[in-house]
Amino acid sequence: MKLPIIAYGDPVLRQKAKEIDEDYPELDSLIANMFETMYAASGVGIAAPQIGKSIRLFVIDASPYEEDEPQLKDFKKVFINPIIVQEDGEKWASSEGCLSIPDIREDVYRLPTLTINYLDENWEEHEETFDGLAARIIQHEYDHIEGKLFTDRITPLRKALLKSKLDAIAKGKVNVDYKMKFPVLKRKKRF
């Protein structure tokens, strides 16, 4: 089932997500729905806060980038309760976008290599090292479960220049070809 993607400005995107355990209700369905939602929006990753759930879960399918990095051919993973153990290398810039912030792309600097500990959908523990685009996608989704957005990683000047676009997204003034849920706008009281 395709779920609505939470838009910039919603408080759930700013919360540090909570860990879950094996008893989390209907987790298999949630994971399947997250993949379906991500594919419908032409994304390569989606985190639970982006569908309104403040839990430490994200899914990735980086196979669209296999032409750039052949090792991403079948790179489809589920990350439950992940913890980045280490990040290494010299920061490099690459253009990033976000399903919760449509129509905005910015260069974001990230370290090229990371080691992450996580549980997969079968509750098996892994500690793996990733680099390149795989690391970048994981870092981006990991930021979501930490209550951060890629716009937090750009310069204050760039963010100021994007303010009107970000405000428009929060107000629902954006055209996308996938379902989104926008923050509830508080109306000013008139006296």
N, C-alpha and C. Protein backbone atom coordinates (compact mmCIF):
# COMPACT_ATOMS: atom_id res chain seq x y z
N MET A 1 0.85 -1.17 0.00
CA MET A 1 0.00 0.00 0.00
C MET A 1 0.90 1.24 0.00
N LYS A 2 0.59 2.15 -0.91
CA LYS A 2 1.34 3.41 -0.96
C LYS A 2 0.86 4.31 0.17
N LEU A 3 1.82 4.81 0.93
CA LEU A 3 1.51 5.68 2.07
C LEU A 3 1.83 7.13 1.70
N PRO A 4 1.15 8.09 2.32
CA PRO A 4 1.51 9.48 2.05
C PRO A 4 2.86 9.81 2.69
N ILE A 5 3.66 10.59 1.98
CA ILE A 5 4.97 11.00 2.47
C ILE A 5 4.81 12.32 3.22
N ILE A 6 5.36 12.37 4.40
CA ILE A 6 5.26 13.54 5.26
C ILE A 6 6.12 14.67 4.70
N ALA A 7 5.56 15.86 4.58
CA ALA A 7 6.25 17.00 4.00
C ALA A 7 7.06 17.78 5.02
N TYR A 8 8.06 18.47 4.50
CA TYR A 8 8.87 19.39 5.27
C TYR A 8 7.96 20.27 6.15
N GLY A 9 8.39 20.48 7.37
CA GLY A 9 7.62 21.33 8.29
C GLY A 9 6.86 20.54 9.33
N ASP A 10 6.65 19.24 9.09
CA ASP A 10 5.95 18.41 10.07
C ASP A 10 6.90 18.07 11.21
N PRO A 11 6.46 18.21 12.47
CA PRO A 11 7.34 17.94 13.61
C PRO A 11 7.91 16.52 13.67
N VAL A 12 7.24 15.53 13.09
CA VAL A 12 7.73 14.15 13.15
C VAL A 12 9.10 14.04 12.47
N LEU A 13 9.37 14.91 11.51
CA LEU A 13 10.66 14.87 10.82
C LEU A 13 11.80 15.42 11.67
N ARG A 14 11.46 16.04 12.79
CA ARG A 14 12.47 16.64 13.67
C ARG A 14 12.66 15.86 14.96
N GLN A 15 11.96 14.75 15.13
CA GLN A 15 12.08 13.96 16.35
C GLN A 15 13.16 12.90 16.19
N LYS A 16 13.89 12.66 17.26
CA LYS A 16 14.82 11.53 17.27
C LYS A 16 13.95 10.28 17.45
N ALA A 17 14.04 9.38 16.48
CA ALA A 17 13.16 8.20 16.46
C ALA A 17 13.55 7.20 17.55
N LYS A 18 12.56 6.40 17.94
CA LYS A 18 12.73 5.41 19.00
C LYS A 18 13.01 4.03 18.42
N GLU A 19 13.79 3.24 19.18
CA GLU A 19 14.06 1.86 18.77
C GLU A 19 12.79 1.03 18.86
N ILE A 20 12.77 -0.04 18.08
CA ILE A 20 11.64 -0.96 18.12
C ILE A 20 12.16 -2.36 18.46
N ASP A 21 11.23 -3.25 18.80
CA ASP A 21 11.63 -4.63 19.05
C ASP A 21 10.84 -5.55 18.12
N GLU A 22 11.09 -6.85 18.25
CA GLU A 22 10.48 -7.83 17.34
C GLU A 22 8.97 -7.87 17.44
N ASP A 23 8.40 -7.32 18.50
CA ASP A 23 6.95 -7.32 18.67
C ASP A 23 6.27 -6.12 18.03
N TYR A 24 7.03 -5.29 17.31
CA TYR A 24 6.41 -4.11 16.69
C TYR A 24 5.30 -4.60 15.77
N PRO A 25 4.09 -4.04 15.92
CA PRO A 25 2.94 -4.56 15.17
C PRO A 25 3.06 -4.42 13.65
N GLU A 26 2.80 -5.51 12.97
CA GLU A 26 2.73 -5.56 11.51
C GLU A 26 3.96 -4.97 10.83
N LEU A 27 5.14 -5.29 11.36
CA LEU A 27 6.37 -4.76 10.82
C LEU A 27 6.61 -5.20 9.38
N ASP A 28 6.33 -6.45 9.06
CA ASP A 28 6.53 -6.93 7.68
C ASP A 28 5.70 -6.12 6.69
N SER A 29 4.45 -5.84 7.05
CA SER A 29 3.58 -5.03 6.18
C SER A 29 4.11 -3.61 6.06
N LEU A 30 4.57 -3.06 7.18
CA LEU A 30 5.11 -1.70 7.16
C LEU A 30 6.31 -1.62 6.22
N ILE A 31 7.22 -2.58 6.32
CA ILE A 31 8.40 -2.58 5.46
C ILE A 31 7.99 -2.69 3.99
N ALA A 32 7.07 -3.60 3.68
CA ALA A 32 6.59 -3.75 2.30
C ALA A 32 5.95 -2.45 1.81
N ASN A 33 5.16 -1.81 2.66
CA ASN A 33 4.51 -0.54 2.28
C ASN A 33 5.53 0.57 2.08
N MET A 34 6.60 0.55 2.89
CA MET A 34 7.64 1.57 2.73
C MET A 34 8.34 1.41 1.39
N PHE A 35 8.68 0.17 1.01
CA PHE A 35 9.29 -0.05 -0.30
C PHE A 35 8.34 0.39 -1.41
N GLU A 36 7.07 0.01 -1.32
CA GLU A 36 6.10 0.38 -2.35
C GLU A 36 5.97 1.89 -2.46
N THR A 37 5.92 2.58 -1.32
CA THR A 37 5.82 4.04 -1.29
C THR A 37 7.06 4.67 -1.92
N MET A 38 8.23 4.17 -1.55
CA MET A 38 9.50 4.67 -2.08
C MET A 38 9.55 4.51 -3.60
N TYR A 39 9.20 3.32 -4.10
CA TYR A 39 9.24 3.07 -5.55
C TYR A 39 8.25 3.97 -6.28
N ALA A 40 7.06 4.14 -5.72
CA ALA A 40 6.03 4.97 -6.37
C ALA A 40 6.48 6.43 -6.49
N ALA A 41 7.35 6.86 -5.57
CA ALA A 41 7.84 8.23 -5.58
C ALA A 41 9.21 8.34 -6.26
N SER A 42 9.67 7.25 -6.86
CA SER A 42 10.98 7.20 -7.55
C SER A 42 12.13 7.53 -6.62
N GLY A 43 12.05 7.04 -5.38
CA GLY A 43 13.12 7.25 -4.41
C GLY A 43 14.04 6.06 -4.34
N VAL A 44 15.18 6.25 -3.66
CA VAL A 44 16.12 5.15 -3.44
C VAL A 44 16.24 4.82 -1.95
N GLY A 45 15.52 5.57 -1.13
CA GLY A 45 15.49 5.31 0.30
C GLY A 45 14.33 6.04 0.93
N ILE A 46 13.83 5.49 2.02
CA ILE A 46 12.77 6.17 2.78
C ILE A 46 12.88 5.71 4.24
N ALA A 47 12.72 6.67 5.12
CA ALA A 47 12.79 6.38 6.56
C ALA A 47 11.40 6.46 7.16
N ALA A 48 11.19 5.72 8.25
CA ALA A 48 9.87 5.67 8.89
C ALA A 48 9.32 7.06 9.25
N PRO A 49 10.14 8.00 9.73
CA PRO A 49 9.56 9.33 10.02
C PRO A 49 8.91 9.98 8.79
N GLN A 50 9.38 9.62 7.60
CA GLN A 50 8.81 10.20 6.38
C GLN A 50 7.41 9.68 6.07
N ILE A 51 6.99 8.65 6.78
CA ILE A 51 5.61 8.18 6.64
C ILE A 51 4.86 8.33 7.97
N GLY A 52 5.43 9.19 8.83
CA GLY A 52 4.74 9.56 10.06
C GLY A 52 5.00 8.68 11.27
N LYS A 53 5.98 7.77 11.18
CA LYS A 53 6.28 6.88 12.30
C LYS A 53 7.67 7.20 12.84
N SER A 54 7.74 7.65 14.08
CA SER A 54 9.01 8.03 14.68
C SER A 54 9.71 6.81 15.29
N ILE A 55 10.10 5.90 14.39
CA ILE A 55 10.81 4.68 14.80
C ILE A 55 12.09 4.58 13.98
N ARG A 56 13.06 3.82 14.52
CA ARG A 56 14.38 3.71 13.90
C ARG A 56 14.35 2.60 12.83
N LEU A 57 13.84 2.96 11.68
CA LEU A 57 13.69 2.04 10.57
C LEU A 57 13.82 2.81 9.26
N PHE A 58 14.63 2.29 8.34
CA PHE A 58 14.62 2.82 6.98
C PHE A 58 14.92 1.71 6.00
N VAL A 59 14.52 1.92 4.76
CA VAL A 59 14.75 0.96 3.69
C VAL A 59 15.45 1.67 2.54
N ILE A 60 16.24 0.89 1.81
CA ILE A 60 17.03 1.43 0.70
C ILE A 60 17.01 0.46 -0.46
N ASP A 61 16.93 0.99 -1.67
CA ASP A 61 17.20 0.22 -2.88
C ASP A 61 18.02 1.12 -3.80
N ALA A 62 19.32 0.93 -3.79
CA ALA A 62 20.23 1.79 -4.55
C ALA A 62 20.49 1.29 -5.96
N SER A 63 19.78 0.24 -6.38
CA SER A 63 20.04 -0.35 -7.70
C SER A 63 19.91 0.64 -8.87
N PRO A 64 19.11 1.73 -8.77
CA PRO A 64 19.10 2.68 -9.89
C PRO A 64 20.46 3.31 -10.17
N TYR A 65 21.38 3.22 -9.22
CA TYR A 65 22.72 3.80 -9.40
C TYR A 65 23.76 2.77 -9.84
N GLU A 66 23.32 1.58 -10.25
CA GLU A 66 24.28 0.55 -10.61
C GLU A 66 25.14 0.93 -11.80
N GLU A 67 24.64 1.81 -12.67
CA GLU A 67 25.45 2.25 -13.81
C GLU A 67 26.67 3.03 -13.33
N ASP A 68 26.48 3.85 -12.28
CA ASP A 68 27.58 4.62 -11.71
C ASP A 68 28.47 3.76 -10.83
N GLU A 69 27.87 2.86 -10.07
CA GLU A 69 28.60 1.98 -9.16
C GLU A 69 28.02 0.57 -9.29
N PRO A 70 28.65 -0.28 -10.12
CA PRO A 70 28.11 -1.62 -10.40
C PRO A 70 27.80 -2.47 -9.16
N GLN A 71 28.50 -2.23 -8.04
CA GLN A 71 28.24 -3.02 -6.83
C GLN A 71 26.86 -2.72 -6.24
N LEU A 72 26.18 -1.72 -6.75
CA LEU A 72 24.84 -1.38 -6.24
C LEU A 72 23.73 -2.12 -6.99
N LYS A 73 24.10 -3.03 -7.88
CA LYS A 73 23.12 -3.73 -8.72
C LYS A 73 21.95 -4.30 -7.93
N ASP A 74 22.21 -5.01 -6.86
CA ASP A 74 21.14 -5.61 -6.05
C ASP A 74 21.17 -5.09 -4.63
N PHE A 75 21.47 -3.82 -4.48
CA PHE A 75 21.63 -3.23 -3.15
C PHE A 75 20.28 -2.81 -2.59
N LYS A 76 19.59 -3.76 -1.99
CA LYS A 76 18.27 -3.52 -1.40
C LYS A 76 18.34 -4.01 0.04
N LYS A 77 18.13 -3.09 1.00
CA LYS A 77 18.32 -3.45 2.40
C LYS A 77 17.29 -2.78 3.30
N VAL A 78 17.08 -3.44 4.45
CA VAL A 78 16.25 -2.91 5.52
C VAL A 78 17.17 -2.68 6.71
N PHE A 79 17.05 -1.51 7.32
CA PHE A 79 17.86 -1.15 8.49
C PHE A 79 16.94 -0.89 9.68
N ILE A 80 17.03 -1.75 10.70
CA ILE A 80 16.24 -1.59 11.92
C ILE A 80 17.20 -1.26 13.07
N ASN A 81 16.86 -0.25 13.84
CA ASN A 81 17.67 0.19 14.99
C ASN A 81 19.15 0.38 14.64
N PRO A 82 19.44 1.04 13.51
CA PRO A 82 20.84 1.19 13.12
C PRO A 82 21.60 2.17 14.01
N ILE A 83 22.90 1.92 14.09
CA ILE A 83 23.81 2.83 14.79
C ILE A 83 25.05 2.98 13.92
N ILE A 84 25.36 4.20 13.52
CA ILE A 84 26.60 4.43 12.79
C ILE A 84 27.74 4.34 13.79
N VAL A 85 28.65 3.41 13.55
CA VAL A 85 29.76 3.14 14.44
C VAL A 85 30.93 4.08 14.13
N GLN A 86 31.14 4.32 12.83
CA GLN A 86 32.28 5.14 12.43
C GLN A 86 32.05 5.70 11.03
N GLU A 87 32.59 6.89 10.79
CA GLU A 87 32.60 7.49 9.46
C GLU A 87 34.03 7.94 9.18
N ASP A 88 34.50 7.72 7.95
CA ASP A 88 35.89 8.01 7.61
C ASP A 88 36.00 8.68 6.25
N GLY A 89 37.20 9.21 6.03
CA GLY A 89 37.53 9.76 4.73
C GLY A 89 37.47 11.27 4.70
N GLU A 90 37.62 11.79 3.49
CA GLU A 90 37.58 13.23 3.27
C GLU A 90 36.21 13.59 2.72
N LYS A 91 35.58 14.60 3.31
CA LYS A 91 34.22 14.97 2.89
C LYS A 91 34.17 15.23 1.39
N TRP A 92 33.07 14.78 0.78
CA TRP A 92 32.86 15.03 -0.65
C TRP A 92 31.42 15.49 -0.85
N ALA A 93 31.24 16.33 -1.84
CA ALA A 93 29.93 16.90 -2.13
C ALA A 93 29.23 16.09 -3.21
N SER A 94 27.93 15.98 -3.04
CA SER A 94 27.09 15.38 -4.07
C SER A 94 25.69 15.97 -3.90
N SER A 95 25.00 16.08 -5.01
CA SER A 95 23.65 16.64 -5.00
C SER A 95 22.68 15.66 -4.34
N GLU A 96 21.92 16.15 -3.37
CA GLU A 96 20.93 15.32 -2.70
C GLU A 96 19.56 15.98 -2.79
N GLY A 97 18.54 15.13 -2.78
CA GLY A 97 17.17 15.57 -2.70
C GLY A 97 16.48 14.71 -1.66
N CYS A 98 15.20 14.95 -1.45
CA CYS A 98 14.47 14.22 -0.42
C CYS A 98 13.00 14.15 -0.80
N LEU A 99 12.38 13.00 -0.61
CA LEU A 99 10.97 12.85 -0.93
C LEU A 99 10.09 13.77 -0.08
N SER A 100 10.56 14.14 1.12
CA SER A 100 9.80 15.05 1.98
C SER A 100 10.02 16.51 1.61
N ILE A 101 11.01 16.77 0.76
CA ILE A 101 11.34 18.14 0.34
C ILE A 101 11.43 18.14 -1.19
N PRO A 102 10.30 17.94 -1.88
CA PRO A 102 10.35 17.80 -3.34
C PRO A 102 10.83 19.08 -4.04
N ASP A 103 11.42 18.87 -5.21
CA ASP A 103 11.85 19.95 -6.10
C ASP A 103 13.02 20.77 -5.57
N ILE A 104 13.71 20.29 -4.55
CA ILE A 104 14.89 20.98 -4.06
C ILE A 104 16.04 19.97 -4.02
N ARG A 105 17.14 20.35 -4.64
CA ARG A 105 18.36 19.55 -4.61
C ARG A 105 19.51 20.48 -4.25
N GLU A 106 20.40 20.01 -3.40
CA GLU A 106 21.54 20.81 -2.98
C GLU A 106 22.76 19.92 -2.81
N ASP A 107 23.93 20.51 -2.99
CA ASP A 107 25.17 19.79 -2.70
C ASP A 107 25.31 19.64 -1.19
N VAL A 108 25.54 18.41 -0.76
CA VAL A 108 25.72 18.10 0.66
C VAL A 108 27.07 17.41 0.80
N TYR A 109 27.84 17.85 1.79
CA TYR A 109 29.14 17.24 2.07
C TYR A 109 28.98 16.14 3.11
N ARG A 110 29.49 14.96 2.78
CA ARG A 110 29.45 13.82 3.70
C ARG A 110 30.77 13.06 3.60
N LEU A 111 31.09 12.31 4.65
CA LEU A 111 32.26 11.45 4.62
C LEU A 111 31.95 10.25 3.72
N PRO A 112 32.93 9.74 2.97
CA PRO A 112 32.65 8.72 1.96
C PRO A 112 32.49 7.29 2.45
N THR A 113 32.91 7.01 3.69
CA THR A 113 32.86 5.63 4.20
C THR A 113 32.22 5.60 5.57
N LEU A 114 31.38 4.60 5.79
CA LEU A 114 30.79 4.46 7.12
C LEU A 114 30.69 2.99 7.50
N THR A 115 30.74 2.76 8.79
CA THR A 115 30.48 1.44 9.35
C THR A 115 29.22 1.57 10.19
N ILE A 116 28.29 0.66 9.96
CA ILE A 116 26.99 0.74 10.62
C ILE A 116 26.60 -0.62 11.19
N ASN A 117 26.02 -0.60 12.36
CA ASN A 117 25.49 -1.80 13.00
C ASN A 117 23.97 -1.70 12.89
N TYR A 118 23.32 -2.77 12.47
CA TYR A 118 21.87 -2.74 12.29
C TYR A 118 21.30 -4.15 12.32
N LEU A 119 19.98 -4.20 12.45
CA LEU A 119 19.24 -5.45 12.33
C LEU A 119 18.52 -5.45 10.99
N ASP A 120 18.45 -6.59 10.34
CA ASP A 120 17.69 -6.67 9.09
C ASP A 120 16.24 -7.08 9.39
N GLU A 121 15.47 -7.29 8.35
CA GLU A 121 14.05 -7.62 8.53
C GLU A 121 13.82 -8.97 9.21
N ASN A 122 14.87 -9.81 9.27
CA ASN A 122 14.78 -11.10 9.96
C ASN A 122 15.37 -11.03 11.37
N TRP A 123 15.66 -9.82 11.82
CA TRP A 123 16.22 -9.55 13.13
C TRP A 123 17.62 -10.14 13.31
N GLU A 124 18.31 -10.28 12.19
CA GLU A 124 19.71 -10.70 12.24
C GLU A 124 20.58 -9.46 12.30
N GLU A 125 21.58 -9.50 13.19
CA GLU A 125 22.45 -8.34 13.38
C GLU A 125 23.59 -8.34 12.36
N HIS A 126 23.91 -7.14 11.87
CA HIS A 126 25.00 -6.96 10.91
C HIS A 126 25.84 -5.77 11.35
N GLU A 127 27.13 -5.84 11.07
CA GLU A 127 27.98 -4.66 11.16
C GLU A 127 28.76 -4.65 9.85
N GLU A 128 28.47 -3.64 9.02
CA GLU A 128 29.04 -3.59 7.69
C GLU A 128 29.61 -2.20 7.41
N THR A 129 30.55 -2.19 6.47
CA THR A 129 31.15 -0.93 6.03
C THR A 129 30.71 -0.68 4.59
N PHE A 130 30.28 0.53 4.33
CA PHE A 130 29.83 0.93 3.00
C PHE A 130 30.58 2.19 2.58
N ASP A 131 30.70 2.36 1.27
CA ASP A 131 31.29 3.61 0.80
C ASP A 131 30.57 4.11 -0.44
N GLY A 132 30.97 5.30 -0.89
CA GLY A 132 30.39 5.87 -2.09
C GLY A 132 28.92 6.20 -1.93
N LEU A 133 28.16 5.93 -3.00
CA LEU A 133 26.74 6.28 -3.00
C LEU A 133 25.95 5.48 -1.96
N ALA A 134 26.33 4.23 -1.73
CA ALA A 134 25.64 3.43 -0.71
C ALA A 134 25.76 4.12 0.65
N ALA A 135 26.98 4.56 0.99
CA ALA A 135 27.19 5.25 2.26
C ALA A 135 26.38 6.53 2.32
N ARG A 136 26.36 7.28 1.23
CA ARG A 136 25.62 8.55 1.20
C ARG A 136 24.13 8.32 1.41
N ILE A 137 23.56 7.34 0.75
CA ILE A 137 22.12 7.07 0.91
C ILE A 137 21.83 6.65 2.35
N ILE A 138 22.68 5.79 2.91
CA ILE A 138 22.49 5.36 4.29
C ILE A 138 22.58 6.56 5.24
N GLN A 139 23.58 7.42 5.04
CA GLN A 139 23.74 8.61 5.89
C GLN A 139 22.51 9.51 5.80
N HIS A 140 21.99 9.68 4.60
CA HIS A 140 20.80 10.53 4.40
C HIS A 140 19.61 9.96 5.18
N GLU A 141 19.37 8.66 5.04
CA GLU A 141 18.24 8.04 5.73
C GLU A 141 18.47 8.00 7.24
N TYR A 142 19.70 7.76 7.64
CA TYR A 142 20.04 7.76 9.07
C TYR A 142 19.75 9.13 9.68
N ASP A 143 20.06 10.19 8.94
CA ASP A 143 19.74 11.54 9.43
C ASP A 143 18.25 11.65 9.77
N HIS A 144 17.40 11.06 8.93
CA HIS A 144 15.95 11.13 9.19
C HIS A 144 15.58 10.54 10.55
N ILE A 145 16.19 9.43 10.94
CA ILE A 145 15.82 8.83 12.22
C ILE A 145 16.47 9.58 13.39
N GLU A 146 17.38 10.49 13.07
CA GLU A 146 18.00 11.35 14.08
C GLU A 146 17.31 12.71 14.15
N GLY A 147 16.26 12.90 13.33
CA GLY A 147 15.53 14.17 13.32
C GLY A 147 16.21 15.26 12.51
N LYS A 148 17.05 14.86 11.55
CA LYS A 148 17.77 15.82 10.71
C LYS A 148 17.34 15.68 9.26
N LEU A 149 17.49 16.78 8.53
CA LEU A 149 17.19 16.79 7.10
C LEU A 149 18.43 17.24 6.34
N PHE A 150 18.49 16.94 5.04
CA PHE A 150 19.69 17.32 4.29
C PHE A 150 19.86 18.83 4.26
N THR A 151 18.77 19.58 4.41
CA THR A 151 18.87 21.04 4.42
C THR A 151 19.60 21.55 5.67
N ASP A 152 19.73 20.71 6.69
CA ASP A 152 20.50 21.09 7.88
C ASP A 152 22.00 21.03 7.59
N ARG A 153 22.37 20.42 6.49
CA ARG A 153 23.78 20.23 6.16
C ARG A 153 24.27 21.18 5.07
N ILE A 154 23.45 22.14 4.70
CA ILE A 154 23.88 23.14 3.73
C ILE A 154 24.20 24.44 4.46
N THR A 155 24.84 25.36 3.78
CA THR A 155 25.25 26.60 4.43
C THR A 155 24.03 27.42 4.84
N PRO A 156 24.17 28.23 5.88
CA PRO A 156 23.05 29.09 6.29
C PRO A 156 22.58 30.00 5.15
N LEU A 157 23.51 30.46 4.32
CA LEU A 157 23.12 31.31 3.19
C LEU A 157 22.24 30.55 2.21
N ARG A 158 22.64 29.32 1.84
CA ARG A 158 21.83 28.52 0.91
C ARG A 158 20.46 28.25 1.52
N LYS A 159 20.43 27.93 2.81
CA LYS A 159 19.15 27.65 3.46
C LYS A 159 18.27 28.90 3.45
N ALA A 160 18.86 30.05 3.69
CA ALA A 160 18.09 31.31 3.66
C ALA A 160 17.52 31.56 2.27
N LEU A 161 18.32 31.24 1.25
CA LEU A 161 17.85 31.44 -0.13
C LEU A 161 16.71 30.47 -0.49
N LEU A 162 16.66 29.34 0.20
CA LEU A 162 15.61 28.34 -0.05
C LEU A 162 14.37 28.53 0.82
N LYS A 163 14.42 29.47 1.76
CA LYS A 163 13.35 29.61 2.75
C LYS A 163 11.96 29.69 2.12
N SER A 164 11.79 30.49 1.09
CA SER A 164 10.45 30.62 0.50
C SER A 164 9.98 29.31 -0.13
N LYS A 165 10.90 28.57 -0.75
CA LYS A 165 10.53 27.27 -1.33
C LYS A 165 10.16 26.28 -0.22
N LEU A 166 10.96 26.28 0.86
CA LEU A 166 10.67 25.37 1.98
C LEU A 166 9.33 25.71 2.63
N ASP A 167 9.07 26.99 2.80
CA ASP A 167 7.78 27.42 3.36
C ASP A 167 6.62 26.99 2.46
N ALA A 168 6.82 27.10 1.15
CA ALA A 168 5.77 26.69 0.20
C ALA A 168 5.49 25.18 0.33
N ILE A 169 6.54 24.39 0.47
CA ILE A 169 6.35 22.94 0.64
C ILE A 169 5.55 22.67 1.91
N ALA A 170 5.92 23.33 3.01
CA ALA A 170 5.22 23.12 4.28
C ALA A 170 3.74 23.50 4.17
N LYS A 171 3.43 24.44 3.28
CA LYS A 171 2.04 24.87 3.10
C LYS A 171 1.30 24.05 2.05
N GLY A 172 2.00 23.08 1.45
CA GLY A 172 1.34 22.24 0.45
C GLY A 172 1.33 22.84 -0.94
N LYS A 173 2.11 23.87 -1.15
CA LYS A 173 2.16 24.53 -2.46
C LYS A 173 3.30 23.96 -3.28
N VAL A 174 3.12 22.71 -3.66
CA VAL A 174 4.12 22.00 -4.45
C VAL A 174 3.39 20.93 -5.27
N ASN A 175 3.87 20.70 -6.48
CA ASN A 175 3.27 19.68 -7.33
C ASN A 175 4.15 18.44 -7.35
N VAL A 176 3.60 17.34 -6.91
CA VAL A 176 4.32 16.07 -6.93
C VAL A 176 3.40 15.00 -7.49
N ASP A 177 4.01 13.94 -8.00
CA ASP A 177 3.18 12.86 -8.56
C ASP A 177 3.06 11.69 -7.58
N TYR A 178 3.21 11.98 -6.30
CA TYR A 178 2.96 10.99 -5.26
C TYR A 178 2.20 11.66 -4.13
N LYS A 179 1.57 10.83 -3.30
CA LYS A 179 0.74 11.34 -2.23
C LYS A 179 1.60 11.90 -1.11
N MET A 180 1.26 13.11 -0.64
CA MET A 180 1.99 13.72 0.47
C MET A 180 1.00 14.16 1.54
N LYS A 181 1.52 14.27 2.75
CA LYS A 181 0.74 14.79 3.87
C LYS A 181 1.49 16.02 4.38
N PHE A 182 0.77 17.13 4.43
CA PHE A 182 1.38 18.40 4.79
C PHE A 182 1.05 18.76 6.24
N PRO A 183 1.94 19.54 6.87
CA PRO A 183 1.69 19.93 8.27
C PRO A 183 0.34 20.64 8.38
N VAL A 184 -0.29 20.44 9.51
CA VAL A 184 -1.55 21.15 9.79
C VAL A 184 -1.20 22.60 10.05
N LEU A 185 -1.78 23.46 9.28
CA LEU A 185 -1.48 24.87 9.45
C LEU A 185 -2.37 25.46 10.53
N LYS A 186 -1.75 26.19 11.43
CA LYS A 186 -2.51 26.85 12.48
C LYS A 186 -3.04 28.17 11.94
N ARG A 187 -4.31 28.35 12.09
CA ARG A 187 -4.92 29.60 11.63
C ARG A 187 -4.78 30.66 12.72
N LYS A 188 -4.52 31.84 12.25
CA LYS A 188 -4.43 32.96 13.20
C LYS A 188 -5.81 33.33 13.67
N LYS A 189 -5.92 33.52 14.96
CA LYS A 189 -7.22 33.92 15.51
C LYS A 189 -7.42 35.41 15.26
N ARG A 190 -8.62 35.75 14.91
CA ARG A 190 -8.96 37.16 14.73
C ARG A 190 -9.81 37.61 15.89
N PHE A 191 -9.46 38.73 16.42
CA PHE A 191 -10.20 39.25 17.57
C PHE A 191 -11.09 40.39 17.17
